[in-house]
N, C-alpha and C. Protein backbone atom coordinates (compact mmCIF):
# COMPACT_ATOMS: atom_id res chain seq x y z
N MET A 1 35.65 -30.63 -48.81
CA MET A 1 35.30 -29.55 -47.89
C MET A 1 35.71 -29.97 -46.48
N LYS A 2 36.32 -29.04 -45.79
CA LYS A 2 36.70 -29.27 -44.40
C LYS A 2 35.66 -28.60 -43.50
N ILE A 3 35.24 -29.30 -42.45
CA ILE A 3 34.25 -28.78 -41.51
C ILE A 3 34.87 -28.71 -40.13
N GLU A 4 34.81 -27.50 -39.54
CA GLU A 4 35.31 -27.32 -38.18
C GLU A 4 34.16 -26.83 -37.32
N ARG A 5 34.01 -27.42 -36.16
CA ARG A 5 32.95 -27.02 -35.23
C ARG A 5 33.54 -26.17 -34.12
N VAL A 6 32.82 -25.10 -33.80
CA VAL A 6 33.18 -24.24 -32.68
C VAL A 6 31.97 -24.24 -31.75
N ILE A 7 32.13 -24.70 -30.53
CA ILE A 7 31.04 -24.70 -29.56
C ILE A 7 31.07 -23.37 -28.82
N VAL A 8 29.95 -22.61 -28.90
CA VAL A 8 29.94 -21.25 -28.37
C VAL A 8 28.76 -21.01 -27.44
N GLY A 9 28.98 -20.10 -26.49
CA GLY A 9 27.91 -19.61 -25.63
C GLY A 9 27.53 -20.54 -24.50
N ASN A 10 26.66 -20.01 -23.64
CA ASN A 10 26.19 -20.76 -22.47
C ASN A 10 25.38 -21.99 -22.85
N LEU A 11 24.70 -21.95 -24.01
CA LEU A 11 23.91 -23.09 -24.44
C LEU A 11 24.72 -24.07 -25.29
N GLU A 12 26.01 -23.80 -25.43
CA GLU A 12 26.92 -24.65 -26.19
C GLU A 12 26.40 -24.94 -27.60
N THR A 13 26.12 -23.86 -28.31
CA THR A 13 25.61 -23.93 -29.67
C THR A 13 26.73 -24.27 -30.64
N ASN A 14 26.41 -25.08 -31.63
CA ASN A 14 27.38 -25.42 -32.66
C ASN A 14 27.44 -24.33 -33.72
N CYS A 15 28.60 -23.77 -33.91
CA CYS A 15 28.92 -22.88 -35.02
C CYS A 15 29.87 -23.68 -35.90
N TYR A 16 29.71 -23.56 -37.21
CA TYR A 16 30.57 -24.32 -38.12
C TYR A 16 31.33 -23.40 -39.05
N ILE A 17 32.56 -23.78 -39.35
CA ILE A 17 33.38 -23.12 -40.35
C ILE A 17 33.62 -24.16 -41.45
N LEU A 18 33.08 -23.90 -42.63
CA LEU A 18 33.27 -24.79 -43.77
C LEU A 18 34.34 -24.18 -44.66
N SER A 19 35.35 -24.94 -45.04
CA SER A 19 36.39 -24.36 -45.87
C SER A 19 36.73 -25.22 -47.08
N ILE A 20 37.03 -24.50 -48.15
CA ILE A 20 37.52 -25.10 -49.39
C ILE A 20 38.60 -24.16 -49.93
N ASN A 21 39.78 -24.69 -50.15
CA ASN A 21 40.87 -23.94 -50.78
C ASN A 21 41.08 -22.55 -50.16
N GLY A 22 41.13 -22.47 -48.84
CA GLY A 22 41.44 -21.21 -48.17
C GLY A 22 40.28 -20.24 -48.03
N LYS A 23 39.10 -20.63 -48.49
CA LYS A 23 37.90 -19.79 -48.36
C LYS A 23 36.93 -20.51 -47.42
N CYS A 24 36.09 -19.72 -46.72
CA CYS A 24 35.19 -20.37 -45.77
C CYS A 24 33.84 -19.68 -45.69
N ILE A 25 32.90 -20.44 -45.17
CA ILE A 25 31.55 -19.98 -44.82
C ILE A 25 31.39 -20.22 -43.33
N VAL A 26 30.77 -19.27 -42.64
CA VAL A 26 30.47 -19.41 -41.21
C VAL A 26 28.98 -19.72 -41.08
N ILE A 27 28.66 -20.77 -40.35
CA ILE A 27 27.26 -21.14 -40.11
C ILE A 27 26.93 -20.90 -38.64
N ASP A 28 25.88 -20.14 -38.39
CA ASP A 28 25.34 -19.89 -37.05
C ASP A 28 26.37 -19.38 -36.04
N PRO A 29 26.88 -18.16 -36.24
CA PRO A 29 27.82 -17.58 -35.28
C PRO A 29 27.09 -17.13 -34.01
N GLY A 30 26.87 -18.07 -33.09
CA GLY A 30 25.99 -17.87 -31.96
C GLY A 30 26.50 -17.01 -30.83
N ASP A 31 27.81 -16.93 -30.63
CA ASP A 31 28.38 -16.19 -29.51
C ASP A 31 29.89 -16.33 -29.61
N GLU A 32 30.59 -15.66 -28.70
CA GLU A 32 32.04 -15.77 -28.57
C GLU A 32 32.78 -15.51 -29.88
N TYR A 33 32.60 -14.30 -30.39
CA TYR A 33 33.20 -13.89 -31.65
C TYR A 33 34.69 -14.21 -31.73
N GLU A 34 35.44 -13.92 -30.68
CA GLU A 34 36.89 -14.14 -30.71
C GLU A 34 37.22 -15.62 -30.96
N LYS A 35 36.45 -16.49 -30.38
CA LYS A 35 36.65 -17.93 -30.57
C LYS A 35 36.40 -18.32 -32.04
N ILE A 36 35.36 -17.73 -32.62
CA ILE A 36 35.05 -17.99 -34.02
C ILE A 36 36.15 -17.42 -34.92
N LYS A 37 36.57 -16.19 -34.63
CA LYS A 37 37.62 -15.53 -35.41
C LYS A 37 38.91 -16.34 -35.37
N ASP A 38 39.25 -16.89 -34.21
CA ASP A 38 40.46 -17.71 -34.09
C ASP A 38 40.37 -18.95 -34.97
N LYS A 39 39.18 -19.55 -35.04
CA LYS A 39 39.00 -20.76 -35.85
C LYS A 39 39.04 -20.41 -37.34
N ILE A 40 38.57 -19.22 -37.71
CA ILE A 40 38.63 -18.78 -39.11
C ILE A 40 40.09 -18.59 -39.53
N GLY A 41 40.87 -18.03 -38.62
CA GLY A 41 42.30 -17.83 -38.92
C GLY A 41 42.50 -16.92 -40.11
N ASP A 42 43.33 -17.36 -41.06
CA ASP A 42 43.63 -16.53 -42.22
C ASP A 42 42.80 -16.90 -43.45
N LYS A 43 41.76 -17.69 -43.25
CA LYS A 43 40.88 -18.03 -44.37
C LYS A 43 40.10 -16.80 -44.82
N GLU A 44 39.76 -16.76 -46.08
CA GLU A 44 38.91 -15.69 -46.62
C GLU A 44 37.45 -16.07 -46.39
N VAL A 45 36.74 -15.28 -45.61
CA VAL A 45 35.33 -15.55 -45.33
C VAL A 45 34.50 -15.03 -46.50
N VAL A 46 33.71 -15.91 -47.11
CA VAL A 46 32.90 -15.51 -48.27
C VAL A 46 31.44 -15.28 -47.92
N SER A 47 30.99 -15.80 -46.78
CA SER A 47 29.60 -15.60 -46.39
C SER A 47 29.33 -16.12 -44.98
N VAL A 48 28.23 -15.67 -44.43
CA VAL A 48 27.65 -16.24 -43.22
C VAL A 48 26.28 -16.77 -43.62
N ILE A 49 25.94 -17.95 -43.12
CA ILE A 49 24.59 -18.45 -43.31
C ILE A 49 24.00 -18.79 -41.95
N ILE A 50 22.72 -18.50 -41.81
CA ILE A 50 22.03 -18.70 -40.54
C ILE A 50 20.87 -19.67 -40.75
N THR A 51 20.77 -20.64 -39.85
CA THR A 51 19.65 -21.58 -39.93
C THR A 51 18.36 -20.95 -39.41
N HIS A 52 18.46 -20.17 -38.33
CA HIS A 52 17.31 -19.47 -37.76
C HIS A 52 17.82 -18.40 -36.81
N SER A 53 16.91 -17.55 -36.36
CA SER A 53 17.38 -16.35 -35.65
C SER A 53 17.22 -16.39 -34.13
N HIS A 54 17.22 -17.56 -33.52
CA HIS A 54 17.28 -17.58 -32.06
C HIS A 54 18.62 -17.00 -31.61
N PHE A 55 18.61 -16.35 -30.46
CA PHE A 55 19.78 -15.62 -29.97
C PHE A 55 21.05 -16.46 -29.93
N ASP A 56 20.91 -17.74 -29.63
CA ASP A 56 22.10 -18.59 -29.51
C ASP A 56 22.69 -18.98 -30.86
N HIS A 57 22.05 -18.56 -31.96
CA HIS A 57 22.56 -18.83 -33.30
C HIS A 57 23.04 -17.55 -34.00
N ILE A 58 22.73 -16.39 -33.40
CA ILE A 58 23.12 -15.13 -34.05
C ILE A 58 23.84 -14.16 -33.12
N GLY A 59 24.21 -14.59 -31.95
CA GLY A 59 24.80 -13.69 -30.95
C GLY A 59 26.06 -12.97 -31.40
N ALA A 60 26.86 -13.60 -32.25
CA ALA A 60 28.09 -12.97 -32.74
C ALA A 60 27.95 -12.53 -34.20
N LEU A 61 26.74 -12.59 -34.73
CA LEU A 61 26.51 -12.27 -36.14
C LEU A 61 26.98 -10.88 -36.51
N GLU A 62 26.58 -9.89 -35.75
CA GLU A 62 26.93 -8.51 -36.07
C GLU A 62 28.44 -8.31 -36.11
N GLU A 63 29.15 -8.89 -35.16
CA GLU A 63 30.60 -8.75 -35.13
C GLU A 63 31.25 -9.41 -36.35
N VAL A 64 30.76 -10.57 -36.74
CA VAL A 64 31.31 -11.26 -37.91
C VAL A 64 31.03 -10.44 -39.17
N LEU A 65 29.80 -9.96 -39.32
CA LEU A 65 29.46 -9.18 -40.51
C LEU A 65 30.25 -7.88 -40.58
N ASN A 66 30.42 -7.22 -39.44
CA ASN A 66 31.19 -5.97 -39.41
C ASN A 66 32.66 -6.21 -39.75
N LYS A 67 33.21 -7.31 -39.30
CA LYS A 67 34.63 -7.61 -39.53
C LYS A 67 34.90 -7.94 -41.00
N TYR A 68 34.02 -8.73 -41.62
CA TYR A 68 34.33 -9.27 -42.94
C TYR A 68 33.55 -8.64 -44.09
N ASN A 69 32.46 -7.89 -43.79
CA ASN A 69 31.65 -7.23 -44.84
C ASN A 69 31.32 -8.20 -45.98
N ILE A 70 30.54 -9.22 -45.65
CA ILE A 70 30.24 -10.32 -46.56
C ILE A 70 28.74 -10.52 -46.65
N PRO A 71 28.27 -11.28 -47.63
CA PRO A 71 26.84 -11.58 -47.72
C PRO A 71 26.36 -12.44 -46.55
N LEU A 72 25.11 -12.23 -46.20
CA LEU A 72 24.44 -13.02 -45.17
C LEU A 72 23.28 -13.75 -45.84
N PHE A 73 23.28 -15.07 -45.75
CA PHE A 73 22.18 -15.88 -46.27
C PHE A 73 21.27 -16.23 -45.09
N TYR A 74 19.98 -15.88 -45.23
CA TYR A 74 19.05 -16.07 -44.12
C TYR A 74 17.62 -15.99 -44.65
N ASN A 75 16.72 -16.76 -44.08
CA ASN A 75 15.31 -16.70 -44.41
C ASN A 75 14.67 -15.61 -43.57
N ASN A 76 14.65 -14.41 -44.07
CA ASN A 76 14.22 -13.24 -43.30
C ASN A 76 12.69 -13.07 -43.32
N ILE A 77 11.98 -14.15 -43.11
CA ILE A 77 10.51 -14.17 -43.18
C ILE A 77 9.87 -13.19 -42.19
N ASN A 78 10.50 -12.99 -41.05
CA ASN A 78 9.95 -12.10 -40.02
C ASN A 78 10.52 -10.69 -40.08
N ASN A 79 11.36 -10.42 -41.08
CA ASN A 79 12.03 -9.12 -41.22
C ASN A 79 12.71 -8.68 -39.92
N GLU A 80 13.40 -9.60 -39.28
CA GLU A 80 14.05 -9.31 -38.01
C GLU A 80 15.48 -8.82 -38.15
N ILE A 81 16.09 -9.11 -39.29
CA ILE A 81 17.48 -8.72 -39.47
C ILE A 81 17.57 -7.75 -40.64
N SER A 82 18.20 -6.63 -40.39
CA SER A 82 18.42 -5.63 -41.42
C SER A 82 19.92 -5.58 -41.69
N TYR A 83 20.30 -5.85 -42.93
CA TYR A 83 21.71 -5.87 -43.28
C TYR A 83 21.82 -5.61 -44.78
N GLU A 84 22.73 -4.74 -45.14
CA GLU A 84 22.89 -4.31 -46.54
C GLU A 84 23.12 -5.47 -47.49
N ASN A 85 23.93 -6.45 -47.09
CA ASN A 85 24.27 -7.58 -47.95
C ASN A 85 23.45 -8.83 -47.64
N LEU A 86 22.21 -8.64 -47.18
CA LEU A 86 21.34 -9.77 -46.86
C LEU A 86 20.80 -10.41 -48.13
N ILE A 87 20.93 -11.71 -48.22
CA ILE A 87 20.30 -12.48 -49.28
C ILE A 87 19.24 -13.33 -48.60
N SER A 88 17.99 -12.93 -48.79
CA SER A 88 16.88 -13.65 -48.18
C SER A 88 16.61 -14.91 -48.99
N VAL A 89 16.92 -16.05 -48.40
CA VAL A 89 16.88 -17.31 -49.14
C VAL A 89 15.47 -17.86 -49.27
N ASN A 90 15.29 -18.63 -50.31
CA ASN A 90 14.08 -19.43 -50.48
C ASN A 90 14.51 -20.84 -50.87
N GLU A 91 13.56 -21.72 -51.04
CA GLU A 91 13.92 -23.10 -51.39
C GLU A 91 14.48 -23.12 -52.81
N SER A 92 15.76 -23.29 -52.87
CA SER A 92 16.45 -23.26 -54.15
C SER A 92 17.87 -23.77 -53.95
N LYS A 93 18.61 -23.92 -55.05
CA LYS A 93 20.02 -24.25 -54.97
C LYS A 93 20.82 -22.97 -55.16
N TYR A 94 21.92 -22.89 -54.43
CA TYR A 94 22.79 -21.72 -54.47
C TYR A 94 24.22 -22.17 -54.70
N GLU A 95 24.99 -21.31 -55.36
CA GLU A 95 26.42 -21.52 -55.54
C GLU A 95 27.12 -20.28 -55.06
N LEU A 96 28.05 -20.48 -54.15
CA LEU A 96 28.81 -19.37 -53.60
C LEU A 96 30.27 -19.78 -53.62
N ASP A 97 30.99 -19.25 -54.61
CA ASP A 97 32.36 -19.66 -54.84
C ASP A 97 32.35 -21.16 -55.11
N LYS A 98 33.08 -21.96 -54.36
CA LYS A 98 33.12 -23.42 -54.56
C LYS A 98 32.05 -24.15 -53.73
N PHE A 99 31.29 -23.40 -52.94
CA PHE A 99 30.28 -23.99 -52.06
C PHE A 99 28.95 -24.08 -52.80
N LYS A 100 28.39 -25.29 -52.84
CA LYS A 100 27.10 -25.50 -53.49
C LYS A 100 26.16 -26.11 -52.47
N PHE A 101 25.00 -25.47 -52.31
CA PHE A 101 24.06 -25.96 -51.32
C PHE A 101 22.62 -25.71 -51.74
N GLU A 102 21.76 -26.51 -51.17
CA GLU A 102 20.31 -26.39 -51.36
C GLU A 102 19.72 -25.87 -50.06
N VAL A 103 18.78 -24.95 -50.17
CA VAL A 103 18.06 -24.46 -49.00
C VAL A 103 16.72 -25.18 -48.94
N ILE A 104 16.42 -25.73 -47.77
CA ILE A 104 15.17 -26.46 -47.53
C ILE A 104 14.45 -25.76 -46.39
N TYR A 105 13.24 -25.28 -46.65
CA TYR A 105 12.47 -24.60 -45.61
C TYR A 105 11.92 -25.65 -44.65
N THR A 106 12.35 -25.56 -43.37
CA THR A 106 11.98 -26.57 -42.36
C THR A 106 11.47 -25.90 -41.08
N PRO A 107 10.32 -25.23 -41.16
CA PRO A 107 9.77 -24.60 -39.96
C PRO A 107 9.32 -25.65 -38.95
N GLY A 108 9.05 -25.21 -37.77
CA GLY A 108 8.61 -26.08 -36.68
C GLY A 108 9.21 -25.57 -35.40
N HIS A 109 10.52 -25.71 -35.27
CA HIS A 109 11.21 -25.15 -34.11
C HIS A 109 11.11 -23.63 -34.12
N ARG A 110 11.15 -23.06 -35.31
CA ARG A 110 10.96 -21.63 -35.51
C ARG A 110 10.51 -21.44 -36.95
N ASN A 111 9.66 -20.44 -37.20
CA ASN A 111 9.09 -20.29 -38.55
C ASN A 111 10.08 -19.80 -39.60
N ASP A 112 11.26 -19.33 -39.22
CA ASP A 112 12.26 -18.88 -40.20
C ASP A 112 13.34 -19.93 -40.44
N LEU A 113 13.21 -21.11 -39.86
CA LEU A 113 14.28 -22.10 -39.91
C LEU A 113 14.42 -22.73 -41.29
N VAL A 114 15.66 -22.73 -41.76
CA VAL A 114 15.99 -23.42 -43.00
C VAL A 114 17.14 -24.38 -42.74
N THR A 115 17.16 -25.44 -43.54
CA THR A 115 18.21 -26.42 -43.51
C THR A 115 19.08 -26.20 -44.74
N TYR A 116 20.38 -26.29 -44.57
CA TYR A 116 21.31 -26.14 -45.68
C TYR A 116 21.91 -27.51 -46.00
N TYR A 117 21.68 -27.95 -47.23
CA TYR A 117 22.16 -29.25 -47.67
C TYR A 117 23.27 -29.05 -48.71
N PHE A 118 24.49 -29.36 -48.32
CA PHE A 118 25.64 -29.29 -49.22
C PHE A 118 25.70 -30.63 -49.96
N TYR A 119 25.00 -30.68 -51.09
CA TYR A 119 24.72 -31.94 -51.77
C TYR A 119 25.96 -32.61 -52.35
N GLU A 120 26.97 -31.87 -52.75
CA GLU A 120 28.18 -32.51 -53.29
C GLU A 120 28.97 -33.21 -52.19
N ASP A 121 28.79 -32.79 -50.95
CA ASP A 121 29.50 -33.38 -49.82
C ASP A 121 28.60 -34.25 -48.94
N ASN A 122 27.30 -34.30 -49.29
CA ASN A 122 26.33 -35.10 -48.56
C ASN A 122 26.26 -34.73 -47.08
N ILE A 123 26.24 -33.40 -46.83
CA ILE A 123 26.23 -32.88 -45.47
C ILE A 123 25.07 -31.91 -45.32
N MET A 124 24.37 -32.00 -44.20
CA MET A 124 23.21 -31.16 -43.95
C MET A 124 23.36 -30.46 -42.61
N PHE A 125 23.05 -29.15 -42.60
CA PHE A 125 23.06 -28.36 -41.37
C PHE A 125 21.63 -27.94 -41.08
N THR A 126 21.11 -28.41 -39.94
CA THR A 126 19.68 -28.27 -39.65
C THR A 126 19.37 -27.30 -38.52
N GLY A 127 20.36 -26.63 -37.97
CA GLY A 127 20.09 -25.74 -36.84
C GLY A 127 19.50 -26.55 -35.71
N ASP A 128 18.41 -26.07 -35.14
CA ASP A 128 17.74 -26.80 -34.05
C ASP A 128 16.51 -27.56 -34.54
N PHE A 129 16.41 -27.78 -35.83
CA PHE A 129 15.31 -28.58 -36.39
C PHE A 129 15.47 -30.04 -35.98
N LEU A 130 16.68 -30.57 -36.16
CA LEU A 130 16.96 -31.96 -35.80
C LEU A 130 18.14 -32.03 -34.84
N PHE A 131 18.06 -32.95 -33.91
CA PHE A 131 19.16 -33.28 -33.01
C PHE A 131 19.39 -34.79 -33.12
N ARG A 132 20.46 -35.25 -32.56
CA ARG A 132 20.68 -36.69 -32.55
C ARG A 132 19.56 -37.35 -31.74
N ASN A 133 18.80 -38.22 -32.38
CA ASN A 133 17.69 -38.95 -31.76
C ASN A 133 16.57 -38.05 -31.24
N SER A 134 16.44 -36.83 -31.77
CA SER A 134 15.40 -35.93 -31.27
C SER A 134 15.10 -34.86 -32.31
N ILE A 135 14.11 -34.03 -31.99
CA ILE A 135 13.76 -32.89 -32.83
C ILE A 135 13.75 -31.63 -31.96
N GLY A 136 13.70 -30.48 -32.62
CA GLY A 136 13.70 -29.22 -31.90
C GLY A 136 12.40 -28.97 -31.15
N ARG A 137 12.48 -28.11 -30.17
CA ARG A 137 11.30 -27.74 -29.36
C ARG A 137 10.28 -27.01 -30.24
N THR A 138 9.01 -27.19 -29.89
CA THR A 138 7.94 -26.49 -30.61
C THR A 138 7.04 -25.72 -29.65
N ASP A 139 7.55 -25.39 -28.48
CA ASP A 139 6.76 -24.65 -27.49
C ASP A 139 7.26 -23.22 -27.30
N LEU A 140 8.00 -22.72 -28.26
CA LEU A 140 8.59 -21.38 -28.18
C LEU A 140 7.86 -20.43 -29.12
N GLU A 141 8.13 -19.13 -28.97
CA GLU A 141 7.57 -18.14 -29.88
C GLU A 141 8.00 -18.48 -31.32
N TYR A 142 7.10 -18.34 -32.25
CA TYR A 142 7.32 -18.63 -33.68
C TYR A 142 7.54 -20.11 -33.96
N SER A 143 7.25 -20.98 -33.01
CA SER A 143 7.35 -22.41 -33.28
C SER A 143 5.95 -23.00 -33.40
N ASN A 144 5.88 -24.19 -34.03
CA ASN A 144 4.57 -24.79 -34.27
C ASN A 144 4.75 -26.29 -34.50
N PHE A 145 4.04 -27.07 -33.73
CA PHE A 145 4.17 -28.52 -33.82
C PHE A 145 3.73 -29.04 -35.19
N ASN A 146 2.63 -28.51 -35.75
CA ASN A 146 2.16 -28.96 -37.06
C ASN A 146 3.18 -28.64 -38.15
N ASP A 147 3.83 -27.49 -38.05
CA ASP A 147 4.90 -27.16 -38.99
C ASP A 147 6.05 -28.15 -38.86
N MET A 148 6.35 -28.56 -37.64
CA MET A 148 7.42 -29.53 -37.42
C MET A 148 7.10 -30.85 -38.12
N ILE A 149 5.87 -31.30 -38.00
CA ILE A 149 5.46 -32.55 -38.68
C ILE A 149 5.61 -32.40 -40.19
N PHE A 150 5.18 -31.25 -40.73
CA PHE A 150 5.33 -30.96 -42.16
C PHE A 150 6.80 -31.04 -42.57
N SER A 151 7.67 -30.42 -41.78
CA SER A 151 9.10 -30.39 -42.10
C SER A 151 9.73 -31.77 -41.99
N LEU A 152 9.34 -32.53 -40.98
CA LEU A 152 9.87 -33.89 -40.85
C LEU A 152 9.49 -34.74 -42.05
N ASN A 153 8.24 -34.62 -42.50
CA ASN A 153 7.81 -35.37 -43.69
C ASN A 153 8.59 -34.93 -44.92
N LYS A 154 8.89 -33.66 -45.03
CA LYS A 154 9.66 -33.15 -46.17
C LYS A 154 11.09 -33.69 -46.15
N ILE A 155 11.70 -33.75 -44.98
CA ILE A 155 13.11 -34.13 -44.89
C ILE A 155 13.31 -35.64 -45.05
N TYR A 156 12.24 -36.42 -44.85
CA TYR A 156 12.33 -37.87 -45.01
C TYR A 156 12.74 -38.28 -46.41
N LYS A 157 12.51 -37.45 -47.41
CA LYS A 157 12.85 -37.83 -48.80
C LYS A 157 14.36 -37.84 -49.03
N TYR A 158 15.12 -37.27 -48.11
CA TYR A 158 16.57 -37.23 -48.26
C TYR A 158 17.20 -38.51 -47.73
N ASN A 159 18.35 -38.84 -48.26
CA ASN A 159 19.08 -40.04 -47.92
C ASN A 159 19.42 -40.11 -46.44
N ASP A 160 19.23 -41.27 -45.84
CA ASP A 160 19.56 -41.48 -44.43
C ASP A 160 21.05 -41.37 -44.15
N GLU A 161 21.88 -41.43 -45.16
CA GLU A 161 23.34 -41.40 -44.99
C GLU A 161 23.90 -39.98 -44.91
N ILE A 162 23.04 -38.98 -45.00
CA ILE A 162 23.50 -37.60 -44.93
C ILE A 162 24.01 -37.32 -43.53
């Protein structure tokens, strides 16, 4: 799997394009749709997945969905996103074309936050749950420090080499 990062928006949010054999998944299209579209190029987009629904992670979502008419994987616990092809994820394993991933519910920074673990590639996308040497903020709407502790304890069971 090839991973390309696109830094978007004023908060410099990471958007990722994962590709296998000319097909791709877009993770967290936060802003700057044209920049994301340029990085997608001629790949066939098979889905968008969202870690959580803060504005800096979904700012270009509507444009991407309108352009490609693809499924959206998201933990719609707050019923904030309405979309015909929405797949409301739960903790489970999913297969989408050649992409295989596990969804891990990791609230704390936000109550809808999920982590996507691509277990065959040993890669995890955590949104704003984890940062290098830090964790996400818990002083925002829909965030909770106790949930963060719960999620950190849950994620400890995974390999440190991810």
